[in-house]
N, C-alpha and C. Protein backbone atom coordinates (compact mmCIF):
# COMPACT_ATOMS: atom_id res chain seq x y z
N UNK A 1 17.79 -5.89 10.43
CA UNK A 1 16.48 -5.95 11.03
C UNK A 1 15.77 -7.17 10.44
N UNK A 2 15.32 -8.08 11.28
CA UNK A 2 14.61 -9.24 10.73
C UNK A 2 13.15 -8.90 10.55
N UNK A 3 12.54 -9.60 9.62
CA UNK A 3 11.14 -9.30 9.33
C UNK A 3 10.25 -10.16 10.21
N UNK A 4 9.26 -9.56 10.78
CA UNK A 4 8.31 -10.25 11.63
C UNK A 4 6.94 -10.10 10.98
N UNK A 5 6.60 -11.05 10.15
CA UNK A 5 5.35 -10.97 9.40
C UNK A 5 4.23 -11.63 10.21
N UNK A 6 3.33 -10.83 10.73
CA UNK A 6 2.27 -11.35 11.58
C UNK A 6 1.05 -11.81 10.80
N UNK A 7 0.70 -11.12 9.77
CA UNK A 7 -0.50 -11.43 8.99
C UNK A 7 -0.25 -11.11 7.54
N UNK A 8 -1.13 -11.52 6.71
CA UNK A 8 -1.03 -11.21 5.28
C UNK A 8 -1.93 -10.05 4.93
N UNK A 9 -1.90 -9.65 3.72
CA UNK A 9 -2.46 -8.39 3.25
C UNK A 9 -3.99 -8.37 3.19
N UNK A 10 -4.59 -7.34 3.74
CA UNK A 10 -6.00 -7.03 3.53
C UNK A 10 -6.07 -5.56 3.22
N UNK A 11 -6.64 -5.26 2.13
CA UNK A 11 -6.62 -3.89 1.66
C UNK A 11 -7.82 -3.12 2.17
N UNK A 12 -8.96 -3.73 2.19
CA UNK A 12 -10.18 -3.10 2.67
C UNK A 12 -10.71 -3.91 3.84
N UNK A 13 -11.55 -3.31 4.66
CA UNK A 13 -12.35 -4.09 5.57
C UNK A 13 -13.30 -4.93 4.73
N UNK A 14 -13.62 -6.11 5.17
CA UNK A 14 -14.43 -7.01 4.36
C UNK A 14 -15.76 -6.40 3.95
N UNK A 15 -16.39 -5.68 4.85
CA UNK A 15 -17.69 -5.08 4.51
C UNK A 15 -17.58 -4.06 3.41
N UNK A 16 -16.58 -3.20 3.50
CA UNK A 16 -16.40 -2.18 2.46
C UNK A 16 -16.07 -2.83 1.13
N UNK A 17 -15.24 -3.88 1.18
CA UNK A 17 -14.87 -4.55 -0.07
C UNK A 17 -16.08 -5.24 -0.69
N UNK A 18 -16.87 -5.94 0.12
CA UNK A 18 -18.03 -6.64 -0.42
C UNK A 18 -19.01 -5.67 -1.05
N UNK A 19 -19.19 -4.51 -0.43
CA UNK A 19 -20.11 -3.52 -0.99
C UNK A 19 -19.60 -3.02 -2.34
N UNK A 20 -18.31 -2.79 -2.45
CA UNK A 20 -17.77 -2.31 -3.72
C UNK A 20 -17.71 -3.43 -4.75
N UNK A 21 -17.37 -4.64 -4.32
CA UNK A 21 -17.23 -5.75 -5.27
C UNK A 21 -18.55 -6.10 -5.93
N UNK A 22 -19.67 -5.83 -5.26
CA UNK A 22 -20.97 -6.18 -5.82
C UNK A 22 -21.45 -5.16 -6.85
N UNK A 23 -20.80 -4.00 -6.90
CA UNK A 23 -21.21 -2.96 -7.86
C UNK A 23 -20.67 -3.29 -9.24
N UNK A 24 -21.41 -2.92 -10.29
CA UNK A 24 -20.91 -3.18 -11.63
C UNK A 24 -19.64 -2.38 -11.90
N UNK A 25 -18.73 -2.96 -12.64
CA UNK A 25 -17.43 -2.33 -12.88
C UNK A 25 -17.37 -1.71 -14.27
N UNK A 26 -18.24 -0.78 -14.54
CA UNK A 26 -18.20 -0.08 -15.82
C UNK A 26 -17.92 1.39 -15.59
N UNK A 27 -17.35 2.04 -16.57
CA UNK A 27 -16.99 3.45 -16.43
C UNK A 27 -18.22 4.33 -16.27
N UNK A 28 -19.40 3.86 -16.70
CA UNK A 28 -20.60 4.67 -16.61
C UNK A 28 -21.26 4.61 -15.23
N UNK A 29 -20.79 3.74 -14.36
CA UNK A 29 -21.39 3.55 -13.05
C UNK A 29 -21.22 4.80 -12.19
N UNK A 30 -22.28 5.23 -11.54
CA UNK A 30 -22.17 6.33 -10.59
C UNK A 30 -21.25 5.89 -9.46
N UNK A 31 -20.47 6.79 -8.95
CA UNK A 31 -19.58 6.48 -7.84
C UNK A 31 -18.22 5.99 -8.28
N UNK A 32 -17.98 5.84 -9.57
CA UNK A 32 -16.65 5.45 -10.01
C UNK A 32 -15.71 6.60 -9.71
N UNK A 33 -14.58 6.32 -9.04
CA UNK A 33 -13.66 7.41 -8.71
C UNK A 33 -13.22 8.17 -9.96
N UNK A 34 -13.34 9.47 -9.91
CA UNK A 34 -12.95 10.33 -11.04
C UNK A 34 -11.67 11.10 -10.72
N UNK A 35 -11.18 10.97 -9.50
CA UNK A 35 -10.01 11.70 -9.05
C UNK A 35 -9.02 10.71 -8.46
N UNK A 36 -7.75 11.03 -8.54
CA UNK A 36 -6.74 10.18 -7.92
C UNK A 36 -6.48 10.58 -6.47
N UNK A 37 -7.28 11.50 -5.96
CA UNK A 37 -7.12 11.95 -4.59
C UNK A 37 -6.09 13.05 -4.48
N UNK A 38 -5.98 13.57 -3.29
CA UNK A 38 -5.04 14.66 -3.04
C UNK A 38 -3.66 14.11 -2.74
N UNK A 39 -2.66 14.90 -3.02
CA UNK A 39 -1.31 14.55 -2.62
C UNK A 39 -1.12 14.92 -1.15
N UNK A 40 -0.51 14.01 -0.40
CA UNK A 40 -0.19 14.31 1.00
C UNK A 40 1.30 14.60 1.17
N UNK A 41 2.06 14.55 0.08
CA UNK A 41 3.51 14.65 0.14
C UNK A 41 3.98 16.03 0.61
N UNK A 42 4.94 15.99 1.53
CA UNK A 42 5.62 17.20 2.01
C UNK A 42 7.12 16.94 1.95
N UNK A 43 7.90 17.95 1.68
CA UNK A 43 9.36 17.83 1.78
C UNK A 43 9.74 18.23 3.21
N UNK A 44 10.51 17.34 3.87
CA UNK A 44 10.88 17.55 5.27
C UNK A 44 12.39 17.36 5.42
N UNK A 45 12.93 17.83 6.54
CA UNK A 45 14.33 17.58 6.87
C UNK A 45 14.48 16.12 7.28
N UNK A 46 15.64 15.53 6.95
CA UNK A 46 15.93 14.14 7.33
C UNK A 46 17.35 14.09 7.87
N UNK A 47 17.50 13.60 9.11
CA UNK A 47 18.82 13.54 9.75
C UNK A 47 19.27 12.11 9.99
N UNK A 48 18.54 11.13 9.47
CA UNK A 48 18.89 9.73 9.69
C UNK A 48 20.07 9.28 8.84
N UNK A 49 20.41 7.99 8.98
CA UNK A 49 21.59 7.43 8.33
C UNK A 49 21.29 6.70 7.02
N UNK A 50 20.02 6.57 6.64
CA UNK A 50 19.68 5.81 5.43
C UNK A 50 20.07 6.59 4.18
N UNK A 51 20.46 5.87 3.16
CA UNK A 51 20.90 6.52 1.92
C UNK A 51 19.70 6.99 1.09
N UNK A 52 19.91 7.95 0.21
CA UNK A 52 18.83 8.44 -0.66
C UNK A 52 18.19 7.29 -1.45
N UNK A 53 16.88 7.36 -1.58
CA UNK A 53 16.10 6.34 -2.26
C UNK A 53 15.44 5.36 -1.32
N UNK A 54 15.98 5.20 -0.12
CA UNK A 54 15.41 4.27 0.86
C UNK A 54 14.03 4.75 1.28
N UNK A 55 13.11 3.80 1.47
CA UNK A 55 11.77 4.09 1.98
C UNK A 55 11.71 3.64 3.44
N UNK A 56 11.21 4.52 4.29
CA UNK A 56 11.07 4.22 5.72
C UNK A 56 9.61 4.43 6.09
N UNK A 57 8.99 3.39 6.64
CA UNK A 57 7.57 3.46 7.01
C UNK A 57 7.45 3.38 8.53
N UNK A 58 6.74 4.34 9.11
CA UNK A 58 6.50 4.36 10.55
C UNK A 58 5.07 3.91 10.83
N UNK A 59 4.92 2.76 11.50
CA UNK A 59 3.59 2.32 11.91
C UNK A 59 2.98 3.30 12.90
N UNK A 60 3.79 3.79 13.84
CA UNK A 60 3.27 4.68 14.88
C UNK A 60 2.76 6.00 14.29
N UNK A 61 3.50 6.56 13.32
CA UNK A 61 3.13 7.85 12.75
C UNK A 61 2.23 7.73 11.52
N UNK A 62 2.08 6.51 11.00
CA UNK A 62 1.30 6.27 9.77
C UNK A 62 1.83 7.14 8.63
N UNK A 63 3.17 7.06 8.45
CA UNK A 63 3.83 7.83 7.40
C UNK A 63 4.80 6.96 6.62
N UNK A 64 5.06 7.38 5.40
CA UNK A 64 6.07 6.78 4.54
C UNK A 64 7.02 7.90 4.15
N UNK A 65 8.30 7.65 4.34
CA UNK A 65 9.34 8.64 4.06
C UNK A 65 10.25 8.08 2.97
N UNK A 66 10.50 8.86 1.93
CA UNK A 66 11.48 8.48 0.89
C UNK A 66 12.64 9.44 1.03
N UNK A 67 13.80 8.88 1.37
CA UNK A 67 14.98 9.68 1.64
C UNK A 67 15.49 10.31 0.34
N UNK A 68 15.77 11.61 0.41
CA UNK A 68 16.34 12.39 -0.70
C UNK A 68 17.78 12.77 -0.34
N UNK A 69 18.55 13.25 -1.30
CA UNK A 69 19.90 13.74 -0.98
C UNK A 69 19.84 15.01 -0.12
N UNK A 70 20.98 15.36 0.45
CA UNK A 70 21.17 16.64 1.14
C UNK A 70 20.27 16.84 2.36
N UNK A 71 20.03 15.76 3.12
CA UNK A 71 19.28 15.89 4.37
C UNK A 71 17.81 16.22 4.22
N UNK A 72 17.22 15.78 3.14
CA UNK A 72 15.79 16.03 2.89
C UNK A 72 15.09 14.69 2.65
N UNK A 73 13.76 14.72 2.69
CA UNK A 73 12.96 13.53 2.43
C UNK A 73 11.56 13.93 2.00
N UNK A 74 10.91 13.04 1.26
CA UNK A 74 9.49 13.19 0.95
C UNK A 74 8.73 12.41 2.01
N UNK A 75 7.71 13.03 2.58
CA UNK A 75 6.89 12.42 3.62
C UNK A 75 5.46 12.30 3.11
N UNK A 76 4.90 11.09 3.17
CA UNK A 76 3.52 10.82 2.73
C UNK A 76 2.72 10.25 3.90
N UNK A 77 1.42 10.51 3.93
CA UNK A 77 0.52 9.85 4.88
C UNK A 77 0.10 8.51 4.29
N UNK A 78 0.00 7.49 5.15
CA UNK A 78 -0.41 6.15 4.72
C UNK A 78 -1.36 5.53 5.74
N UNK A 79 -2.12 4.55 5.28
CA UNK A 79 -2.85 3.67 6.20
C UNK A 79 -1.97 2.46 6.44
N UNK A 80 -2.10 1.89 7.63
CA UNK A 80 -1.27 0.74 8.00
C UNK A 80 -2.15 -0.39 8.53
N UNK A 81 -1.50 -1.47 8.96
CA UNK A 81 -2.21 -2.62 9.48
C UNK A 81 -3.01 -2.32 10.73
N UNK A 82 -4.23 -2.83 10.74
CA UNK A 82 -5.06 -2.67 11.94
C UNK A 82 -4.46 -3.52 13.06
N UNK A 83 -4.90 -3.36 14.30
CA UNK A 83 -4.31 -4.12 15.41
C UNK A 83 -4.27 -5.62 15.11
N UNK A 84 -3.10 -6.20 15.34
CA UNK A 84 -2.89 -7.61 15.06
C UNK A 84 -2.34 -7.87 13.66
N UNK A 85 -2.33 -6.86 12.81
CA UNK A 85 -1.85 -7.02 11.43
C UNK A 85 -0.64 -6.13 11.13
N UNK A 86 -0.14 -5.42 12.14
CA UNK A 86 1.02 -4.59 11.90
C UNK A 86 2.27 -5.48 11.94
N UNK A 87 3.33 -5.02 11.30
CA UNK A 87 4.58 -5.77 11.27
C UNK A 87 5.75 -4.81 11.12
N UNK A 88 6.95 -5.31 11.39
CA UNK A 88 8.17 -4.52 11.24
C UNK A 88 9.20 -5.37 10.52
N UNK A 89 10.16 -4.71 9.90
CA UNK A 89 11.23 -5.44 9.24
C UNK A 89 11.78 -4.68 8.06
N UNK A 90 12.69 -5.32 7.35
CA UNK A 90 13.30 -4.75 6.16
C UNK A 90 12.95 -5.61 4.97
N UNK A 91 12.46 -4.98 3.92
CA UNK A 91 12.08 -5.67 2.69
C UNK A 91 12.67 -4.89 1.52
N UNK A 92 12.45 -5.41 0.31
CA UNK A 92 12.82 -4.68 -0.90
C UNK A 92 11.64 -4.72 -1.86
N UNK A 93 11.54 -3.68 -2.66
CA UNK A 93 10.56 -3.70 -3.74
C UNK A 93 11.12 -4.60 -4.82
N UNK A 94 10.37 -5.63 -5.17
CA UNK A 94 10.85 -6.59 -6.17
C UNK A 94 9.98 -6.62 -7.41
N UNK A 95 8.81 -6.00 -7.32
CA UNK A 95 7.90 -5.96 -8.46
C UNK A 95 7.08 -4.68 -8.36
N UNK A 96 6.76 -4.10 -9.53
CA UNK A 96 5.96 -2.88 -9.60
C UNK A 96 4.87 -3.13 -10.63
N UNK A 97 3.65 -2.67 -10.36
CA UNK A 97 2.55 -2.89 -11.31
C UNK A 97 1.66 -1.66 -11.40
N UNK A 98 1.29 -1.32 -12.64
CA UNK A 98 0.31 -0.27 -12.89
C UNK A 98 -1.06 -0.91 -13.01
N UNK A 99 -2.05 -0.34 -12.36
CA UNK A 99 -3.42 -0.86 -12.36
C UNK A 99 -3.43 -2.38 -12.19
N UNK A 100 -2.92 -2.84 -11.04
CA UNK A 100 -2.80 -4.29 -10.83
C UNK A 100 -4.13 -4.99 -10.59
N UNK A 101 -4.18 -6.25 -10.93
CA UNK A 101 -5.26 -7.12 -10.47
C UNK A 101 -4.93 -7.56 -9.05
N UNK A 102 -5.88 -8.17 -8.37
CA UNK A 102 -5.65 -8.59 -6.99
C UNK A 102 -6.22 -9.97 -6.75
N UNK A 103 -5.41 -10.85 -6.18
CA UNK A 103 -5.83 -12.17 -5.72
C UNK A 103 -5.69 -12.19 -4.20
N UNK A 104 -6.81 -12.16 -3.49
CA UNK A 104 -6.71 -12.21 -2.02
C UNK A 104 -5.96 -13.47 -1.60
N UNK A 105 -4.99 -13.37 -0.69
CA UNK A 105 -4.28 -14.55 -0.20
C UNK A 105 -5.24 -15.55 0.44
N UNK A 106 -4.85 -16.80 0.43
CA UNK A 106 -5.73 -17.87 0.92
C UNK A 106 -6.11 -17.67 2.38
N UNK A 107 -5.17 -17.18 3.24
CA UNK A 107 -5.54 -17.00 4.64
C UNK A 107 -6.56 -15.88 4.81
N UNK A 108 -6.53 -14.90 3.93
CA UNK A 108 -7.53 -13.84 3.96
C UNK A 108 -8.89 -14.39 3.53
N UNK A 109 -8.88 -15.21 2.50
CA UNK A 109 -10.14 -15.80 2.02
C UNK A 109 -10.70 -16.77 3.05
N UNK A 110 -9.85 -17.40 3.83
CA UNK A 110 -10.37 -18.30 4.88
C UNK A 110 -11.03 -17.50 6.00
N UNK A 111 -10.58 -16.27 6.24
CA UNK A 111 -11.22 -15.41 7.24
C UNK A 111 -12.51 -14.81 6.72
N UNK A 112 -12.60 -14.64 5.38
CA UNK A 112 -13.79 -14.03 4.78
C UNK A 112 -14.10 -14.75 3.48
N UNK A 113 -14.99 -15.72 3.56
CA UNK A 113 -15.33 -16.55 2.40
C UNK A 113 -16.02 -15.77 1.28
N UNK A 114 -16.49 -14.55 1.56
CA UNK A 114 -17.16 -13.77 0.52
C UNK A 114 -16.17 -13.11 -0.45
N UNK A 115 -14.88 -13.13 -0.11
CA UNK A 115 -13.90 -12.52 -1.00
C UNK A 115 -13.77 -13.34 -2.29
N UNK A 116 -13.68 -12.67 -3.43
CA UNK A 116 -13.53 -13.39 -4.69
C UNK A 116 -12.11 -13.94 -4.83
N UNK A 117 -11.92 -14.85 -5.76
CA UNK A 117 -10.58 -15.37 -6.04
C UNK A 117 -9.71 -14.32 -6.73
N UNK A 118 -10.36 -13.44 -7.50
CA UNK A 118 -9.61 -12.45 -8.28
C UNK A 118 -10.45 -11.19 -8.47
N UNK A 119 -9.80 -10.04 -8.36
CA UNK A 119 -10.44 -8.75 -8.66
C UNK A 119 -9.63 -8.12 -9.79
N UNK A 120 -10.26 -7.89 -10.94
CA UNK A 120 -9.51 -7.33 -12.07
C UNK A 120 -9.13 -5.87 -11.82
N UNK A 121 -8.16 -5.36 -12.60
CA UNK A 121 -7.80 -3.95 -12.48
C UNK A 121 -9.01 -3.06 -12.70
N UNK A 122 -9.01 -1.91 -12.07
CA UNK A 122 -10.10 -0.97 -12.28
C UNK A 122 -10.52 -0.27 -11.01
N UNK A 123 -11.61 0.48 -11.09
CA UNK A 123 -12.01 1.34 -9.97
C UNK A 123 -12.51 0.59 -8.74
N UNK A 124 -12.78 -0.70 -8.84
CA UNK A 124 -13.25 -1.46 -7.69
C UNK A 124 -12.17 -2.37 -7.14
N UNK A 125 -10.96 -2.26 -7.68
CA UNK A 125 -9.85 -3.06 -7.19
C UNK A 125 -9.22 -2.35 -5.99
N UNK A 126 -9.09 -3.05 -4.86
CA UNK A 126 -8.57 -2.39 -3.66
C UNK A 126 -7.10 -1.99 -3.73
N UNK A 127 -6.35 -2.43 -4.74
CA UNK A 127 -4.95 -2.01 -4.84
C UNK A 127 -4.79 -0.64 -5.51
N UNK A 128 -5.86 -0.11 -6.08
CA UNK A 128 -5.80 1.21 -6.67
C UNK A 128 -4.96 1.26 -7.94
N UNK A 129 -4.34 2.41 -8.17
CA UNK A 129 -3.67 2.71 -9.44
C UNK A 129 -2.30 2.05 -9.60
N UNK A 130 -1.60 1.80 -8.50
CA UNK A 130 -0.25 1.23 -8.57
C UNK A 130 -0.02 0.36 -7.35
N UNK A 131 0.88 -0.62 -7.51
CA UNK A 131 1.28 -1.46 -6.38
C UNK A 131 2.78 -1.72 -6.45
N UNK A 132 3.41 -1.64 -5.30
CA UNK A 132 4.82 -1.97 -5.13
C UNK A 132 4.86 -3.20 -4.23
N UNK A 133 5.40 -4.30 -4.74
CA UNK A 133 5.36 -5.60 -4.08
C UNK A 133 6.61 -5.78 -3.23
N UNK A 134 6.42 -6.08 -1.95
CA UNK A 134 7.52 -6.18 -0.99
C UNK A 134 7.98 -7.63 -0.82
N UNK A 135 9.29 -7.83 -0.93
CA UNK A 135 9.90 -9.16 -0.81
C UNK A 135 10.92 -9.14 0.31
N UNK A 136 11.10 -10.29 0.96
CA UNK A 136 12.13 -10.48 1.98
C UNK A 136 12.81 -11.82 1.71
N UNK A 137 14.12 -11.81 1.69
CA UNK A 137 14.89 -13.03 1.43
C UNK A 137 14.45 -13.71 0.15
N UNK A 138 14.13 -12.92 -0.87
CA UNK A 138 13.75 -13.45 -2.18
C UNK A 138 12.33 -13.97 -2.28
N UNK A 139 11.56 -13.83 -1.23
CA UNK A 139 10.18 -14.34 -1.23
C UNK A 139 9.17 -13.21 -1.09
N UNK A 140 8.06 -13.34 -1.80
CA UNK A 140 6.97 -12.36 -1.72
C UNK A 140 6.37 -12.41 -0.32
N UNK A 141 6.32 -11.26 0.34
CA UNK A 141 5.74 -11.19 1.69
C UNK A 141 4.21 -11.16 1.64
N UNK A 142 3.65 -10.90 0.46
CA UNK A 142 2.23 -10.65 0.23
C UNK A 142 1.79 -9.28 0.74
N UNK A 143 2.75 -8.48 1.21
CA UNK A 143 2.47 -7.10 1.59
C UNK A 143 2.79 -6.18 0.43
N UNK A 144 2.07 -5.06 0.35
CA UNK A 144 2.22 -4.11 -0.75
C UNK A 144 2.21 -2.68 -0.23
N UNK A 145 2.84 -1.80 -0.98
CA UNK A 145 2.58 -0.37 -0.88
C UNK A 145 1.70 -0.11 -2.09
N UNK A 146 0.48 0.39 -1.88
CA UNK A 146 -0.45 0.50 -3.01
C UNK A 146 -1.36 1.70 -2.85
N UNK A 147 -2.08 1.98 -3.91
CA UNK A 147 -3.04 3.08 -3.90
C UNK A 147 -4.38 2.65 -3.35
N UNK A 148 -5.31 3.57 -3.42
CA UNK A 148 -6.69 3.27 -3.04
C UNK A 148 -7.63 4.18 -3.83
N UNK A 149 -8.79 3.67 -4.09
CA UNK A 149 -9.84 4.47 -4.72
C UNK A 149 -10.72 5.12 -3.67
N UNK A 150 -10.34 5.01 -2.40
CA UNK A 150 -11.09 5.57 -1.28
C UNK A 150 -10.12 6.36 -0.40
N UNK A 151 -9.80 7.59 -0.81
CA UNK A 151 -8.79 8.36 -0.11
C UNK A 151 -9.15 8.69 1.33
N UNK A 152 -10.42 8.58 1.70
CA UNK A 152 -10.83 8.87 3.07
C UNK A 152 -10.25 7.89 4.08
N UNK A 153 -9.68 6.79 3.63
CA UNK A 153 -9.10 5.81 4.56
C UNK A 153 -7.64 6.08 4.87
N UNK A 154 -7.03 7.06 4.20
CA UNK A 154 -5.61 7.33 4.42
C UNK A 154 -5.39 7.87 5.83
N UNK A 155 -4.36 7.34 6.48
CA UNK A 155 -4.03 7.75 7.84
C UNK A 155 -4.68 6.89 8.91
N UNK A 156 -5.33 5.81 8.49
CA UNK A 156 -6.03 4.96 9.45
C UNK A 156 -5.29 3.65 9.69
N UNK A 157 -5.83 2.86 10.61
CA UNK A 157 -5.33 1.52 10.91
C UNK A 157 -6.38 0.54 10.40
N UNK A 158 -6.32 0.13 9.15
CA UNK A 158 -7.38 -0.77 8.69
C UNK A 158 -6.98 -1.80 7.66
N UNK A 159 -5.70 -1.90 7.31
CA UNK A 159 -5.29 -2.92 6.35
C UNK A 159 -4.90 -4.20 7.10
N UNK A 160 -4.56 -5.22 6.34
CA UNK A 160 -4.02 -6.44 6.95
C UNK A 160 -2.51 -6.48 6.77
N UNK A 161 -1.89 -5.33 6.83
CA UNK A 161 -0.44 -5.26 6.78
C UNK A 161 0.12 -4.47 5.61
N UNK A 162 -0.70 -4.17 4.62
CA UNK A 162 -0.24 -3.36 3.49
C UNK A 162 -0.17 -1.89 3.90
N UNK A 163 0.44 -1.10 3.04
CA UNK A 163 0.55 0.34 3.26
C UNK A 163 -0.18 1.03 2.13
N UNK A 164 -1.24 1.72 2.47
CA UNK A 164 -2.16 2.32 1.50
C UNK A 164 -1.90 3.82 1.40
N UNK A 165 -1.81 4.30 0.14
CA UNK A 165 -1.59 5.71 -0.15
C UNK A 165 -2.71 6.20 -1.05
N UNK A 166 -2.89 7.52 -1.17
CA UNK A 166 -3.81 8.00 -2.20
C UNK A 166 -3.25 7.55 -3.56
N UNK A 167 -4.12 7.38 -4.54
CA UNK A 167 -3.65 7.03 -5.87
C UNK A 167 -2.64 8.06 -6.38
N UNK A 168 -2.90 9.34 -6.14
CA UNK A 168 -1.97 10.38 -6.60
C UNK A 168 -0.59 10.16 -5.99
N UNK A 169 -0.53 9.87 -4.68
CA UNK A 169 0.75 9.66 -4.01
C UNK A 169 1.46 8.41 -4.52
N UNK A 170 0.74 7.31 -4.66
CA UNK A 170 1.41 6.08 -5.09
C UNK A 170 1.86 6.19 -6.55
N UNK A 171 1.11 6.93 -7.37
CA UNK A 171 1.54 7.13 -8.75
C UNK A 171 2.83 7.96 -8.78
N UNK A 172 2.95 8.95 -7.92
CA UNK A 172 4.16 9.75 -7.80
C UNK A 172 5.32 8.88 -7.33
N UNK A 173 5.13 8.14 -6.25
CA UNK A 173 6.18 7.28 -5.70
C UNK A 173 6.61 6.23 -6.71
N UNK A 174 5.67 5.63 -7.40
CA UNK A 174 5.93 4.57 -8.39
C UNK A 174 6.96 5.01 -9.42
N UNK A 175 6.89 6.27 -9.84
CA UNK A 175 7.80 6.79 -10.86
C UNK A 175 9.21 7.02 -10.32
N UNK A 176 9.37 7.03 -9.01
CA UNK A 176 10.65 7.38 -8.39
C UNK A 176 11.41 6.20 -7.81
N UNK A 177 10.78 5.04 -7.74
CA UNK A 177 11.44 3.88 -7.13
C UNK A 177 11.63 2.78 -8.17
N UNK A 178 12.64 1.97 -7.93
CA UNK A 178 12.95 0.85 -8.81
C UNK A 178 12.92 -0.44 -8.02
N UNK A 179 12.88 -1.56 -8.73
CA UNK A 179 13.06 -2.84 -8.06
C UNK A 179 14.41 -2.81 -7.35
N UNK A 180 14.45 -3.37 -6.15
CA UNK A 180 15.66 -3.37 -5.35
C UNK A 180 15.68 -2.26 -4.31
N UNK A 181 14.71 -1.33 -4.36
CA UNK A 181 14.63 -0.26 -3.37
C UNK A 181 14.39 -0.87 -2.00
N UNK A 182 15.17 -0.47 -1.02
CA UNK A 182 15.03 -0.95 0.36
C UNK A 182 13.84 -0.26 1.04
N UNK A 183 13.03 -1.05 1.77
CA UNK A 183 11.89 -0.55 2.53
C UNK A 183 12.04 -1.01 3.97
N UNK A 184 12.16 -0.06 4.88
CA UNK A 184 12.32 -0.34 6.30
C UNK A 184 11.02 0.02 7.00
N UNK A 185 10.44 -0.93 7.72
CA UNK A 185 9.18 -0.72 8.43
C UNK A 185 9.47 -0.85 9.92
N UNK A 186 9.06 0.17 10.68
CA UNK A 186 9.27 0.08 12.13
C UNK A 186 8.04 0.57 12.87
């Protein structure tokens, strides 16, 4: 499956990000997320041909499936790319980060000049608690599977191509995948 990368990563809508980015980033601030959100994971039957460990993301269903042995899989709800930012293809996880910092890609910053050059790790970082970095042909796609500090956005179409999970879900997934894990997006 060849990768068709239409757009680069946007984690929040610009308005939501600007509102959060302007807030002070201290632990004493009201509104700092105190929960990692709910788990959306369910164990489901799997009859496909992919080997255990493979991640399969459905844009249409807004789900992420991690194949388990014996015809089973973990199914998570995710947010996906908004119209014009969805993509399909096969990638691999090549980097994993706990509480990552975020540098908006240059094309994203050209669309929204109010975006900062860098957002440090913490409760106002749109990548949330963990990020899994997707690569194709040895190159960073700039797309991520990542958490969010705003679980109310899960299941929506609002990223610029990344796959957003609750922090609880991405922390769970992070512990189960390694670099080299295949990720199929359709």
